[in-house]
Amino acid sequence: MELLALLGQAVAALKEPLERGDLEQGWSDDLRREVQEEISIHRSVLRRHGLGMARYLRPRLDEWLEREGVRPGRLRSLVLDVQRGLADARSQA
């Protein structure tokens, strides 16, 4: 999947209200909003300045979710896919 499309998918998913399973996995509304905002910023940077800017983006979303105690699930998987996509784009830039 194209990186910008993946970021868009993540932003859309994180804008939706949390499901019961998300709450059980450790997500809160505040965390959901913060992660969505972070990914939105990355998406805006890449849209405005091109994928070459990926080399300057160093998201630590995995560490953030770990600190917050978020367990595996649909949103965590999507967020980690975003982080991998950014890392791949960074290595290709």
N, C-alpha and C. Protein backbone atom coordinates (compact mmCIF):
# COMPACT_ATOMS: atom_id res chain seq x y z
N MET A 1 0.85 -1.19 0.00
CA MET A 1 0.00 0.00 0.00
C MET A 1 0.89 1.24 0.00
N GLU A 2 0.50 2.22 -0.76
CA GLU A 2 1.22 3.49 -0.81
C GLU A 2 1.23 4.13 0.57
N LEU A 3 2.34 4.77 0.91
CA LEU A 3 2.52 5.33 2.25
C LEU A 3 1.44 6.37 2.59
N LEU A 4 1.17 7.30 1.69
CA LEU A 4 0.16 8.32 2.00
C LEU A 4 -1.23 7.70 2.19
N ALA A 5 -1.53 6.67 1.43
CA ALA A 5 -2.81 5.98 1.61
C ALA A 5 -2.85 5.29 2.97
N LEU A 6 -1.75 4.68 3.37
CA LEU A 6 -1.67 4.03 4.67
C LEU A 6 -1.85 5.05 5.80
N LEU A 7 -1.20 6.20 5.67
CA LEU A 7 -1.35 7.26 6.68
C LEU A 7 -2.80 7.73 6.72
N GLY A 8 -3.42 7.89 5.57
CA GLY A 8 -4.82 8.30 5.52
C GLY A 8 -5.73 7.29 6.17
N GLN A 9 -5.47 6.02 5.91
CA GLN A 9 -6.26 4.95 6.53
C GLN A 9 -6.12 4.98 8.05
N ALA A 10 -4.90 5.19 8.52
CA ALA A 10 -4.67 5.24 9.97
C ALA A 10 -5.37 6.44 10.60
N VAL A 11 -5.28 7.60 9.95
CA VAL A 11 -5.94 8.79 10.47
C VAL A 11 -7.44 8.57 10.55
N ALA A 12 -8.01 8.00 9.51
CA ALA A 12 -9.46 7.74 9.49
C ALA A 12 -9.86 6.78 10.60
N ALA A 13 -9.10 5.71 10.77
CA ALA A 13 -9.42 4.72 11.82
C ALA A 13 -9.30 5.33 13.21
N LEU A 14 -8.31 6.19 13.38
CA LEU A 14 -8.09 6.79 14.70
C LEU A 14 -9.07 7.94 14.99
N LYS A 15 -9.76 8.42 13.99
CA LYS A 15 -10.78 9.45 14.21
C LYS A 15 -12.10 8.84 14.70
N GLU A 16 -12.28 7.56 14.42
CA GLU A 16 -13.52 6.89 14.81
C GLU A 16 -13.52 6.62 16.32
N PRO A 17 -14.71 6.55 16.91
CA PRO A 17 -14.78 6.23 18.34
C PRO A 17 -14.17 4.86 18.60
N LEU A 18 -13.58 4.72 19.78
CA LEU A 18 -12.97 3.45 20.16
C LEU A 18 -14.02 2.37 20.33
N GLU A 19 -13.67 1.18 19.93
CA GLU A 19 -14.53 0.03 20.14
C GLU A 19 -14.19 -0.58 21.50
N ARG A 20 -15.04 -1.43 21.96
CA ARG A 20 -14.83 -2.07 23.26
C ARG A 20 -13.48 -2.79 23.32
N GLY A 21 -13.14 -3.51 22.24
CA GLY A 21 -11.87 -4.22 22.19
C GLY A 21 -10.68 -3.28 22.29
N ASP A 22 -10.80 -2.09 21.68
CA ASP A 22 -9.72 -1.10 21.75
C ASP A 22 -9.49 -0.68 23.19
N LEU A 23 -10.57 -0.43 23.90
CA LEU A 23 -10.46 -0.03 25.30
C LEU A 23 -9.81 -1.15 26.13
N GLU A 24 -10.19 -2.38 25.85
CA GLU A 24 -9.62 -3.51 26.56
C GLU A 24 -8.13 -3.68 26.26
N GLN A 25 -7.70 -3.21 25.10
CA GLN A 25 -6.29 -3.31 24.72
C GLN A 25 -5.47 -2.15 25.25
N GLY A 26 -6.11 -1.22 25.96
CA GLY A 26 -5.37 -0.14 26.61
C GLY A 26 -5.47 1.22 25.96
N TRP A 27 -6.28 1.35 24.93
CA TRP A 27 -6.44 2.64 24.28
C TRP A 27 -7.36 3.53 25.11
N SER A 28 -7.07 4.81 25.12
CA SER A 28 -7.96 5.81 25.71
C SER A 28 -8.28 6.83 24.62
N ASP A 29 -9.31 7.63 24.83
CA ASP A 29 -9.64 8.65 23.84
C ASP A 29 -8.49 9.65 23.68
N ASP A 30 -7.85 10.01 24.78
CA ASP A 30 -6.73 10.96 24.70
C ASP A 30 -5.58 10.40 23.88
N LEU A 31 -5.22 9.14 24.14
CA LEU A 31 -4.13 8.51 23.40
C LEU A 31 -4.50 8.39 21.93
N ARG A 32 -5.72 7.99 21.64
CA ARG A 32 -6.18 7.87 20.25
C ARG A 32 -6.03 9.20 19.53
N ARG A 33 -6.47 10.29 20.17
CA ARG A 33 -6.38 11.62 19.55
C ARG A 33 -4.92 12.04 19.35
N GLU A 34 -4.07 11.78 20.33
CA GLU A 34 -2.66 12.17 20.22
C GLU A 34 -1.96 11.42 19.09
N VAL A 35 -2.18 10.13 19.00
CA VAL A 35 -1.55 9.34 17.95
C VAL A 35 -2.09 9.75 16.59
N GLN A 36 -3.40 9.98 16.51
CA GLN A 36 -4.00 10.43 15.25
C GLN A 36 -3.40 11.77 14.82
N GLU A 37 -3.20 12.67 15.76
CA GLU A 37 -2.62 13.98 15.45
C GLU A 37 -1.18 13.82 14.94
N GLU A 38 -0.41 12.98 15.60
CA GLU A 38 0.97 12.74 15.19
C GLU A 38 1.03 12.20 13.75
N ILE A 39 0.20 11.23 13.46
CA ILE A 39 0.19 10.65 12.11
C ILE A 39 -0.31 11.67 11.10
N SER A 40 -1.28 12.49 11.47
CA SER A 40 -1.78 13.55 10.59
C SER A 40 -0.67 14.54 10.23
N ILE A 41 0.16 14.87 11.21
CA ILE A 41 1.27 15.80 10.97
C ILE A 41 2.25 15.19 9.96
N HIS A 42 2.59 13.92 10.16
CA HIS A 42 3.50 13.25 9.23
C HIS A 42 2.90 13.23 7.82
N ARG A 43 1.62 12.94 7.73
CA ARG A 43 0.95 12.90 6.42
C ARG A 43 1.00 14.28 5.77
N SER A 44 0.74 15.33 6.52
CA SER A 44 0.77 16.69 5.97
C SER A 44 2.16 17.06 5.47
N VAL A 45 3.18 16.71 6.24
CA VAL A 45 4.56 16.99 5.83
C VAL A 45 4.88 16.29 4.51
N LEU A 46 4.51 15.02 4.42
CA LEU A 46 4.82 14.27 3.21
C LEU A 46 4.01 14.77 2.01
N ARG A 47 2.78 15.19 2.23
CA ARG A 47 1.96 15.73 1.13
C ARG A 47 2.54 17.04 0.62
N ARG A 48 2.95 17.89 1.54
CA ARG A 48 3.44 19.23 1.15
C ARG A 48 4.84 19.20 0.55
N HIS A 49 5.69 18.35 1.13
CA HIS A 49 7.11 18.42 0.79
C HIS A 49 7.64 17.19 0.07
N GLY A 50 6.80 16.17 -0.11
CA GLY A 50 7.22 14.98 -0.84
C GLY A 50 7.76 13.88 0.07
N LEU A 51 7.83 12.69 -0.50
CA LEU A 51 8.24 11.53 0.27
C LEU A 51 9.71 11.59 0.69
N GLY A 52 10.48 12.45 0.06
CA GLY A 52 11.88 12.63 0.48
C GLY A 52 11.99 13.13 1.92
N MET A 53 10.94 13.76 2.41
CA MET A 53 10.95 14.25 3.80
C MET A 53 10.87 13.11 4.80
N ALA A 54 10.55 11.91 4.35
CA ALA A 54 10.43 10.77 5.26
C ALA A 54 11.73 10.54 6.01
N ARG A 55 12.85 10.89 5.40
CA ARG A 55 14.14 10.65 6.06
C ARG A 55 14.29 11.48 7.34
N TYR A 56 13.50 12.54 7.47
CA TYR A 56 13.58 13.39 8.65
C TYR A 56 12.56 13.03 9.72
N LEU A 57 11.61 12.17 9.37
CA LEU A 57 10.57 11.76 10.31
C LEU A 57 11.04 10.53 11.06
N ARG A 58 11.12 10.60 12.35
CA ARG A 58 11.59 9.49 13.17
C ARG A 58 10.56 9.15 14.24
N PRO A 59 9.41 8.66 13.80
CA PRO A 59 8.38 8.36 14.81
C PRO A 59 8.79 7.19 15.69
N ARG A 60 8.47 7.29 16.93
CA ARG A 60 8.72 6.21 17.90
C ARG A 60 7.38 5.74 18.44
N LEU A 61 6.49 5.44 17.51
CA LEU A 61 5.14 5.06 17.90
C LEU A 61 5.13 3.76 18.69
N ASP A 62 6.01 2.83 18.35
CA ASP A 62 6.07 1.57 19.08
C ASP A 62 6.44 1.80 20.54
N GLU A 63 7.43 2.65 20.77
CA GLU A 63 7.84 2.96 22.14
C GLU A 63 6.72 3.68 22.89
N TRP A 64 6.05 4.56 22.23
CA TRP A 64 4.95 5.32 22.83
C TRP A 64 3.85 4.37 23.28
N LEU A 65 3.43 3.47 22.38
CA LEU A 65 2.36 2.53 22.71
C LEU A 65 2.80 1.57 23.82
N GLU A 66 4.06 1.19 23.82
CA GLU A 66 4.58 0.31 24.87
C GLU A 66 4.51 1.00 26.23
N ARG A 67 4.95 2.26 26.27
CA ARG A 67 4.90 3.03 27.53
C ARG A 67 3.48 3.17 28.05
N GLU A 68 2.53 3.30 27.12
CA GLU A 68 1.13 3.46 27.49
C GLU A 68 0.46 2.14 27.84
N GLY A 69 1.17 1.03 27.61
CA GLY A 69 0.62 -0.28 27.94
C GLY A 69 -0.42 -0.79 26.96
N VAL A 70 -0.36 -0.33 25.71
CA VAL A 70 -1.32 -0.76 24.70
C VAL A 70 -0.92 -2.15 24.22
N ARG A 71 -1.86 -3.05 24.29
CA ARG A 71 -1.64 -4.44 23.88
C ARG A 71 -1.98 -4.61 22.40
N PRO A 72 -1.53 -5.72 21.80
CA PRO A 72 -1.80 -5.96 20.38
C PRO A 72 -3.30 -5.93 20.06
N GLY A 73 -3.59 -5.41 18.89
CA GLY A 73 -4.96 -5.31 18.40
C GLY A 73 -4.99 -4.56 17.09
N ARG A 74 -6.17 -4.27 16.62
CA ARG A 74 -6.32 -3.67 15.28
C ARG A 74 -5.66 -2.30 15.17
N LEU A 75 -5.86 -1.42 16.15
CA LEU A 75 -5.28 -0.09 16.05
C LEU A 75 -3.76 -0.12 16.22
N ARG A 76 -3.29 -0.91 17.16
CA ARG A 76 -1.83 -1.00 17.36
C ARG A 76 -1.17 -1.52 16.08
N SER A 77 -1.77 -2.54 15.46
CA SER A 77 -1.21 -3.08 14.22
C SER A 77 -1.15 -2.02 13.13
N LEU A 78 -2.22 -1.25 13.02
CA LEU A 78 -2.27 -0.19 12.01
C LEU A 78 -1.21 0.87 12.28
N VAL A 79 -1.06 1.27 13.52
CA VAL A 79 -0.07 2.28 13.88
C VAL A 79 1.34 1.77 13.62
N LEU A 80 1.60 0.52 13.94
CA LEU A 80 2.93 -0.04 13.69
C LEU A 80 3.18 -0.22 12.19
N ASP A 81 2.13 -0.45 11.40
CA ASP A 81 2.28 -0.47 9.95
C ASP A 81 2.70 0.90 9.44
N VAL A 82 2.15 1.94 10.03
CA VAL A 82 2.52 3.32 9.67
C VAL A 82 4.00 3.53 9.98
N GLN A 83 4.42 3.12 11.15
CA GLN A 83 5.82 3.30 11.53
C GLN A 83 6.75 2.55 10.57
N ARG A 84 6.40 1.31 10.22
CA ARG A 84 7.20 0.54 9.27
C ARG A 84 7.22 1.22 7.89
N GLY A 85 6.06 1.73 7.47
CA GLY A 85 5.98 2.42 6.18
C GLY A 85 6.88 3.65 6.15
N LEU A 86 6.89 4.40 7.23
CA LEU A 86 7.76 5.58 7.31
C LEU A 86 9.23 5.16 7.32
N ALA A 87 9.56 4.09 8.03
CA ALA A 87 10.94 3.60 8.07
C ALA A 87 11.38 3.13 6.68
N ASP A 88 10.50 2.44 5.98
CA ASP A 88 10.82 1.98 4.62
C ASP A 88 11.04 3.16 3.69
N ALA A 89 10.18 4.16 3.77
CA ALA A 89 10.32 5.35 2.93
C ALA A 89 11.60 6.10 3.27
N ARG A 90 11.95 6.13 4.54
CA ARG A 90 13.18 6.80 4.97
C ARG A 90 14.40 6.10 4.37
N SER A 91 14.38 4.78 4.36
CA SER A 91 15.53 4.04 3.84
C SER A 91 15.65 4.16 2.32
N GLN A 92 14.54 4.46 1.65
CA GLN A 92 14.55 4.61 0.20
C GLN A 92 14.83 6.04 -0.24
N ALA A 93 14.72 6.96 0.70
CA ALA A 93 14.90 8.39 0.35
C ALA A 93 16.37 8.74 0.16
